């Protein structure tokens, strides 16, 4: 694993951990929390195949969460 890829992996892993903690701390219904958690699990899965895309998806998710939006996947 190249140094740049390893650093991106560490960054994504750290940001996923923080995002999961943010979702757990939200005052939302259990179905919404479950949908948000599923979104994060999809990012985790994506990281196994396409790390840069996973990083972009996670950035969009956390930006929405930080702005007060609930970044729910389509159909939630």
PDB file of N, CA and C in Angstrom:
ATOM      1  N   UNK A   1       0.851  -1.177   0.000  1.00  0.00           N
ATOM      2  CA  UNK A   1       0.000   0.000   0.000  1.00  0.00           C
ATOM      3  C   UNK A   1       0.896   1.239   0.000  1.00  0.00           C
ATOM      4  N   UNK A   2       0.637   2.133  -0.920  1.00  0.00           N
ATOM      5  CA  UNK A   2       1.415   3.361  -1.008  1.00  0.00           C
ATOM      6  C   UNK A   2       1.122   4.259   0.181  1.00  0.00           C
ATOM      7  N   UNK A   3       2.065   5.150   0.476  1.00  0.00           N
ATOM      8  CA  UNK A   3       1.916   6.041   1.625  1.00  0.00           C
ATOM      9  C   UNK A   3       0.672   6.924   1.501  1.00  0.00           C
ATOM     10  N   UNK A   4       0.403   7.429   0.308  1.00  0.00           N
ATOM     11  CA  UNK A   4      -0.765   8.295   0.108  1.00  0.00           C
ATOM     12  C   UNK A   4      -2.051   7.501   0.323  1.00  0.00           C
ATOM     13  N   UNK A   5      -2.097   6.282  -0.220  1.00  0.00           N
ATOM     14  CA  UNK A   5      -3.278   5.442  -0.044  1.00  0.00           C
ATOM     15  C   UNK A   5      -3.460   5.065   1.425  1.00  0.00           C
ATOM     16  N   UNK A   6      -2.368   4.777   2.103  1.00  0.00           N
ATOM     17  CA  UNK A   6      -2.439   4.432   3.524  1.00  0.00           C
ATOM     18  C   UNK A   6      -2.954   5.613   4.340  1.00  0.00           C
ATOM     19  N   UNK A   7      -2.517   6.807   3.977  1.00  0.00           N
ATOM     20  CA  UNK A   7      -2.983   7.999   4.694  1.00  0.00           C
ATOM     21  C   UNK A   7      -4.470   8.227   4.436  1.00  0.00           C
ATOM     22  N   UNK A   8      -4.914   8.046   3.202  1.00  0.00           N
ATOM     23  CA  UNK A   8      -6.340   8.202   2.888  1.00  0.00           C
ATOM     24  C   UNK A   8      -7.156   7.158   3.645  1.00  0.00           C
ATOM     25  N   UNK A   9      -6.652   5.944   3.718  1.00  0.00           N
ATOM     26  CA  UNK A   9      -7.332   4.889   4.467  1.00  0.00           C
ATOM     27  C   UNK A   9      -7.483   5.286   5.931  1.00  0.00           C
ATOM     28  N   UNK A  10      -6.410   5.806   6.532  1.00  0.00           N
ATOM     29  CA  UNK A  10      -6.477   6.244   7.941  1.00  0.00           C
ATOM     30  C   UNK A  10      -7.482   7.380   8.110  1.00  0.00           C
ATOM     31  N   UNK A  11      -7.472   8.320   7.164  1.00  0.00           N
ATOM     32  CA  UNK A  11      -8.392   9.451   7.234  1.00  0.00           C
ATOM     33  C   UNK A  11      -9.845   8.979   7.153  1.00  0.00           C
ATOM     34  N   UNK A  12     -10.134   8.102   6.198  1.00  0.00           N
ATOM     35  CA  UNK A  12     -11.498   7.588   6.042  1.00  0.00           C
ATOM     36  C   UNK A  12     -11.906   6.808   7.287  1.00  0.00           C
ATOM     37  N   UNK A  13     -11.028   5.968   7.797  1.00  0.00           N
ATOM     38  CA  UNK A  13     -11.352   5.182   8.996  1.00  0.00           C
ATOM     39  C   UNK A  13     -11.655   6.091  10.184  1.00  0.00           C
ATOM     40  N   UNK A  14     -10.854   7.118  10.367  1.00  0.00           N
ATOM     41  CA  UNK A  14     -11.079   8.054  11.475  1.00  0.00           C
ATOM     42  C   UNK A  14     -12.386   8.807  11.292  1.00  0.00           C
ATOM     43  N   UNK A  15     -12.635   9.284  10.075  1.00  0.00           N
ATOM     44  CA  UNK A  15     -13.866  10.032   9.817  1.00  0.00           C
ATOM     45  C   UNK A  15     -15.103   9.147   9.942  1.00  0.00           C
ATOM     46  N   UNK A  16     -14.994   7.876   9.554  1.00  0.00           N
ATOM     47  CA  UNK A  16     -16.112   6.948   9.745  1.00  0.00           C
ATOM     48  C   UNK A  16     -16.405   6.761  11.230  1.00  0.00           C
ATOM     49  N   UNK A  17     -15.375   6.630  12.023  1.00  0.00           N
ATOM     50  CA  UNK A  17     -15.553   6.468  13.470  1.00  0.00           C
ATOM     51  C   UNK A  17     -16.264   7.682  14.054  1.00  0.00           C
ATOM     52  N   UNK A  18     -15.839   8.871  13.653  1.00  0.00           N
ATOM     53  CA  UNK A  18     -16.463  10.109  14.141  1.00  0.00           C
ATOM     54  C   UNK A  18     -17.911  10.197  13.663  1.00  0.00           C
ATOM     55  N   UNK A  19     -18.151   9.851  12.405  1.00  0.00           N
ATOM     56  CA  UNK A  19     -19.506   9.918  11.857  1.00  0.00           C
ATOM     57  C   UNK A  19     -20.443   8.959  12.584  1.00  0.00           C
ATOM     58  N   UNK A  20     -19.963   7.748  12.880  1.00  0.00           N
ATOM     59  CA  UNK A  20     -20.790   6.804  13.636  1.00  0.00           C
ATOM     60  C   UNK A  20     -21.121   7.368  15.021  1.00  0.00           C
ATOM     61  N   UNK A  21     -20.159   8.011  15.668  1.00  0.00           N
ATOM     62  CA  UNK A  21     -20.405   8.615  16.982  1.00  0.00           C
ATOM     63  C   UNK A  21     -21.431   9.743  16.867  1.00  0.00           C
ATOM     64  N   UNK A  22     -21.339  10.536  15.802  1.00  0.00           N
ATOM     65  CA  UNK A  22     -22.308  11.618  15.597  1.00  0.00           C
ATOM     66  C   UNK A  22     -23.713  11.048  15.412  1.00  0.00           C
ATOM     67  N   UNK A  23     -23.826  10.002  14.639  1.00  0.00           N
ATOM     68  CA  UNK A  23     -25.138   9.389  14.390  1.00  0.00           C
ATOM     69  C   UNK A  23     -25.702   8.829  15.691  1.00  0.00           C
ATOM     70  N   UNK A  24     -24.866   8.168  16.487  1.00  0.00           N
ATOM     71  CA  UNK A  24     -25.342   7.625  17.769  1.00  0.00           C
ATOM     72  C   UNK A  24     -25.830   8.735  18.699  1.00  0.00           C
ATOM     73  N   UNK A  25     -25.233   9.923  18.611  1.00  0.00           N
ATOM     74  CA  UNK A  25     -25.583  11.024  19.510  1.00  0.00           C
ATOM     75  C   UNK A  25     -26.813  11.803  19.055  1.00  0.00           C
ATOM     76  N   UNK A  26     -27.291  11.575  17.846  1.00  0.00           N
ATOM     77  CA  UNK A  26     -28.445  12.312  17.336  1.00  0.00           C
ATOM     78  C   UNK A  26     -29.720  11.965  18.103  1.00  0.00           C
ATOM     79  N   UNK A  27     -30.568  12.962  18.264  1.00  0.00           N
ATOM     80  CA  UNK A  27     -31.874  12.761  18.881  1.00  0.00           C
ATOM     81  C   UNK A  27     -32.888  12.543  17.757  1.00  0.00           C
ATOM     82  N   UNK A  28     -32.891  11.323  17.228  1.00  0.00           N
ATOM     83  CA  UNK A  28     -33.778  10.973  16.114  1.00  0.00           C
ATOM     84  C   UNK A  28     -34.418   9.623  16.420  1.00  0.00           C
ATOM     85  N   UNK A  29     -35.443   9.302  15.640  1.00  0.00           N
ATOM     86  CA  UNK A  29     -36.108   8.014  15.827  1.00  0.00           C
ATOM     87  C   UNK A  29     -35.159   6.883  15.433  1.00  0.00           C
ATOM     88  N   UNK A  30     -35.475   5.697  15.932  1.00  0.00           N
ATOM     89  CA  UNK A  30     -34.623   4.535  15.635  1.00  0.00           C
ATOM     90  C   UNK A  30     -34.594   4.206  14.141  1.00  0.00           C
ATOM     91  N   UNK A  31     -35.707   4.306  13.402  1.00  0.00           N
ATOM     92  CA  UNK A  31     -35.626   4.040  11.958  1.00  0.00           C
ATOM     93  C   UNK A  31     -34.690   5.012  11.224  1.00  0.00           C
ATOM     94  N   UNK A  32     -34.697   6.265  11.624  1.00  0.00           N
ATOM     95  CA  UNK A  32     -33.794   7.239  10.990  1.00  0.00           C
ATOM     96  C   UNK A  32     -32.347   6.924  11.352  1.00  0.00           C
ATOM     97  N   UNK A  33     -32.093   6.624  12.621  1.00  0.00           N
ATOM     98  CA  UNK A  33     -30.736   6.266  13.047  1.00  0.00           C
ATOM     99  C   UNK A  33     -30.257   5.030  12.279  1.00  0.00           C
ATOM    100  N   UNK A  34     -31.133   4.054  12.105  1.00  0.00           N
ATOM    101  CA  UNK A  34     -30.765   2.836  11.372  1.00  0.00           C
ATOM    102  C   UNK A  34     -30.439   3.162   9.916  1.00  0.00           C
ATOM    103  N   UNK A  35     -31.220   4.044   9.301  1.00  0.00           N
ATOM    104  CA  UNK A  35     -30.956   4.424   7.906  1.00  0.00           C
ATOM    105  C   UNK A  35     -29.614   5.144   7.780  1.00  0.00           C
ATOM    106  N   UNK A  36     -29.320   6.024   8.722  1.00  0.00           N
ATOM    107  CA  UNK A  36     -28.037   6.729   8.706  1.00  0.00           C
ATOM    108  C   UNK A  36     -26.878   5.757   8.902  1.00  0.00           C
ATOM    109  N   UNK A  37     -27.057   4.811   9.801  1.00  0.00           N
ATOM    110  CA  UNK A  37     -26.014   3.807  10.054  1.00  0.00           C
ATOM    111  C   UNK A  37     -25.800   2.951   8.811  1.00  0.00           C
ATOM    112  N   UNK A  38     -26.882   2.583   8.126  1.00  0.00           N
ATOM    113  CA  UNK A  38     -26.746   1.814   6.885  1.00  0.00           C
ATOM    114  C   UNK A  38     -25.961   2.611   5.838  1.00  0.00           C
ATOM    115  N   UNK A  39     -26.198   3.909   5.787  1.00  0.00           N
ATOM    116  CA  UNK A  39     -25.454   4.749   4.847  1.00  0.00           C
ATOM    117  C   UNK A  39     -23.959   4.692   5.139  1.00  0.00           C
ATOM    118  N   UNK A  40     -23.623   4.738   6.420  1.00  0.00           N
ATOM    119  CA  UNK A  40     -22.212   4.663   6.790  1.00  0.00           C
ATOM    120  C   UNK A  40     -21.630   3.287   6.493  1.00  0.00           C
ATOM    121  N   UNK A  41     -22.424   2.256   6.664  1.00  0.00           N
ATOM    122  CA  UNK A  41     -21.947   0.911   6.334  1.00  0.00           C
ATOM    123  C   UNK A  41     -21.713   0.774   4.830  1.00  0.00           C
ATOM    124  N   UNK A  42     -22.529   1.440   4.028  1.00  0.00           N
ATOM    125  CA  UNK A  42     -22.316   1.425   2.582  1.00  0.00           C
ATOM    126  C   UNK A  42     -21.011   2.129   2.220  1.00  0.00           C
ATOM    127  N   UNK A  43     -20.690   3.200   2.928  1.00  0.00           N
ATOM    128  CA  UNK A  43     -19.408   3.880   2.712  1.00  0.00           C
ATOM    129  C   UNK A  43     -18.265   2.938   3.077  1.00  0.00           C
ATOM    130  N   UNK A  44     -18.422   2.208   4.179  1.00  0.00           N
ATOM    131  CA  UNK A  44     -17.399   1.251   4.592  1.00  0.00           C
ATOM    132  C   UNK A  44     -17.183   0.196   3.516  1.00  0.00           C
ATOM    133  N   UNK A  45     -18.268  -0.317   2.958  1.00  0.00           N
ATOM    134  CA  UNK A  45     -18.172  -1.306   1.881  1.00  0.00           C
ATOM    135  C   UNK A  45     -17.503  -0.712   0.650  1.00  0.00           C
ATOM    136  N   UNK A  46     -17.873   0.523   0.323  1.00  0.00           N
ATOM    137  CA  UNK A  46     -17.290   1.186  -0.849  1.00  0.00           C
ATOM    138  C   UNK A  46     -15.784   1.369  -0.681  1.00  0.00           C
ATOM    139  N   UNK A  47     -15.346   1.599   0.546  1.00  0.00           N
ATOM    140  CA  UNK A  47     -13.916   1.806   0.806  1.00  0.00           C
ATOM    141  C   UNK A  47     -13.095   0.573   0.445  1.00  0.00           C
ATOM    142  N   UNK A  48     -13.712  -0.587   0.478  1.00  0.00           N
ATOM    143  CA  UNK A  48     -12.998  -1.818   0.126  1.00  0.00           C
ATOM    144  C   UNK A  48     -12.720  -1.902  -1.372  1.00  0.00           C
ATOM    145  N   UNK A  49     -13.543  -1.228  -2.174  1.00  0.00           N
ATOM    146  CA  UNK A  49     -13.412  -1.311  -3.628  1.00  0.00           C
ATOM    147  C   UNK A  49     -12.835  -0.041  -4.238  1.00  0.00           C
ATOM    148  N   UNK A  50     -13.241   1.119  -3.698  1.00  0.00           N
ATOM    149  CA  UNK A  50     -12.862   2.407  -4.296  1.00  0.00           C
ATOM    150  C   UNK A  50     -12.703   3.430  -3.175  1.00  0.00           C
ATOM    151  N   UNK A  51     -11.512   3.474  -2.624  1.00  0.00           N
ATOM    152  CA  UNK A  51     -11.252   4.326  -1.462  1.00  0.00           C
ATOM    153  C   UNK A  51     -11.501   5.816  -1.741  1.00  0.00           C
ATOM    154  N   UNK A  52     -11.030   6.358  -2.857  1.00  0.00           N
ATOM    155  CA  UNK A  52     -11.305   7.781  -3.119  1.00  0.00           C
ATOM    156  C   UNK A  52     -12.809   8.090  -3.207  1.00  0.00           C
ATOM    157  N   UNK A  53     -13.572   7.210  -3.850  1.00  0.00           N
ATOM    158  CA  UNK A  53     -15.023   7.425  -3.936  1.00  0.00           C
ATOM    159  C   UNK A  53     -15.662   7.337  -2.552  1.00  0.00           C
ATOM    160  N   UNK A  54     -15.213   6.406  -1.744  1.00  0.00           N
ATOM    161  CA  UNK A  54     -15.730   6.291  -0.376  1.00  0.00           C
ATOM    162  C   UNK A  54     -15.438   7.567   0.405  1.00  0.00           C
ATOM    163  N   UNK A  55     -14.256   8.126   0.221  1.00  0.00           N
ATOM    164  CA  UNK A  55     -13.901   9.370   0.916  1.00  0.00           C
ATOM    165  C   UNK A  55     -14.827  10.505   0.483  1.00  0.00           C
ATOM    166  N   UNK A  56     -15.137  10.569  -0.817  1.00  0.00           N
ATOM    167  CA  UNK A  56     -16.062  11.608  -1.302  1.00  0.00           C
ATOM    168  C   UNK A  56     -17.470  11.409  -0.733  1.00  0.00           C
ATOM    169  N   UNK A  57     -17.941  10.173  -0.736  1.00  0.00           N
ATOM    170  CA  UNK A  57     -19.275   9.882  -0.198  1.00  0.00           C
ATOM    171  C   UNK A  57     -19.349  10.232   1.284  1.00  0.00           C
ATOM    172  N   UNK A  58     -18.302   9.889   2.009  1.00  0.00           N
ATOM    173  CA  UNK A  58     -18.267  10.187   3.440  1.00  0.00           C
ATOM    174  C   UNK A  58     -18.230  11.693   3.673  1.00  0.00           C
ATOM    175  N   UNK A  59     -17.485  12.415   2.852  1.00  0.00           N
ATOM    176  CA  UNK A  59     -17.436  13.877   2.986  1.00  0.00           C
ATOM    177  C   UNK A  59     -18.816  14.486   2.763  1.00  0.00           C
ATOM    178  N   UNK A  60     -19.538  14.005   1.740  1.00  0.00           N
ATOM    179  CA  UNK A  60     -20.901  14.511   1.498  1.00  0.00           C
ATOM    180  C   UNK A  60     -21.810  14.201   2.687  1.00  0.00           C
ATOM    181  N   UNK A  61     -21.686  12.986   3.220  1.00  0.00           N
ATOM    182  CA  UNK A  61     -22.503  12.573   4.355  1.00  0.00           C
ATOM    183  C   UNK A  61     -22.228  13.471   5.563  1.00  0.00           C
ATOM    184  N   UNK A  62     -20.958  13.649   5.912  1.00  0.00           N
ATOM    185  CA  UNK A  62     -20.628  14.431   7.103  1.00  0.00           C
ATOM    186  C   UNK A  62     -20.929  15.916   6.906  1.00  0.00           C
ATOM    187  N   UNK A  63     -20.750  16.426   5.679  1.00  0.00           N
ATOM    188  CA  UNK A  63     -21.111  17.821   5.418  1.00  0.00           C
ATOM    189  C   UNK A  63     -22.595  18.042   5.657  1.00  0.00           C
ATOM    190  N   UNK A  64     -23.412  17.119   5.162  1.00  0.00           N
ATOM    191  CA  UNK A  64     -24.860  17.231   5.363  1.00  0.00           C
ATOM    192  C   UNK A  64     -25.206  17.122   6.840  1.00  0.00           C
ATOM    193  N   UNK A  65     -24.592  16.187   7.522  1.00  0.00           N
ATOM    194  CA  UNK A  65     -24.847  16.002   8.949  1.00  0.00           C
ATOM    195  C   UNK A  65     -24.440  17.246   9.732  1.00  0.00           C
ATOM    196  N   UNK A  66     -23.274  17.791   9.417  1.00  0.00           N
ATOM    197  CA  UNK A  66     -22.781  18.988  10.108  1.00  0.00           C
ATOM    198  C   UNK A  66     -23.648  20.212   9.853  1.00  0.00           C
ATOM    199  N   UNK A  67     -24.328  20.247   8.701  1.00  0.00           N
ATOM    200  CA  UNK A  67     -25.182  21.401   8.377  1.00  0.00           C
ATOM    201  C   UNK A  67     -26.594  21.232   8.915  1.00  0.00           C
ATOM    202  N   UNK A  68     -26.826  20.108   9.607  1.00  0.00           N
ATOM    203  CA  UNK A  68     -28.141  19.879  10.199  1.00  0.00           C
ATOM    204  C   UNK A  68     -29.094  19.102   9.329  1.00  0.00           C
ATOM    205  N   UNK A  69     -28.645  18.716   8.144  1.00  0.00           N
ATOM    206  CA  UNK A  69     -29.473  17.890   7.267  1.00  0.00           C
ATOM    207  C   UNK A  69     -29.295  16.427   7.671  1.00  0.00           C
ATOM    208  N   UNK A  70     -30.310  15.644   7.452  1.00  0.00           N
ATOM    209  CA  UNK A  70     -30.169  14.203   7.674  1.00  0.00           C
ATOM    210  C   UNK A  70     -29.928  13.563   6.313  1.00  0.00           C
ATOM    211  N   UNK A  71     -28.700  13.138   6.054  1.00  0.00           N
ATOM    212  CA  UNK A  71     -28.365  12.577   4.750  1.00  0.00           C
ATOM    213  C   UNK A  71     -28.882  11.166   4.553  1.00  0.00           C
ATOM    214  N   UNK A  72     -30.195  11.034   4.416  1.00  0.00           N
ATOM    215  CA  UNK A  72     -30.801   9.713   4.270  1.00  0.00           C
ATOM    216  C   UNK A  72     -30.683   9.217   2.838  1.00  0.00           C
ATOM    217  N   UNK A  73     -30.487   7.939   2.671  1.00  0.00           N
ATOM    218  CA  UNK A  73     -30.404   7.391   1.320  1.00  0.00           C
ATOM    219  C   UNK A  73     -31.773   7.435   0.658  1.00  0.00           C
ATOM    220  N   UNK A  74     -31.830   7.386  -0.671  1.00  0.00           N
ATOM    221  CA  UNK A  74     -33.120   7.383  -1.369  1.00  0.00           C
ATOM    222  C   UNK A  74     -33.997   6.229  -0.890  1.00  0.00           C
ATOM    223  N   UNK A  75     -35.275   6.503  -0.740  1.00  0.00           N
ATOM    224  CA  UNK A  75     -36.217   5.476  -0.318  1.00  0.00           C
ATOM    225  C   UNK A  75     -36.352   5.327   1.183  1.00  0.00           C
ATOM    226  N   UNK A  76     -35.628   6.142   1.958  1.00  0.00           N
ATOM    227  CA  UNK A  76     -35.720   6.034   3.427  1.00  0.00           C
ATOM    228  C   UNK A  76     -36.896   6.800   3.958  1.00  0.00           C
TER     229      UNK A  76
END
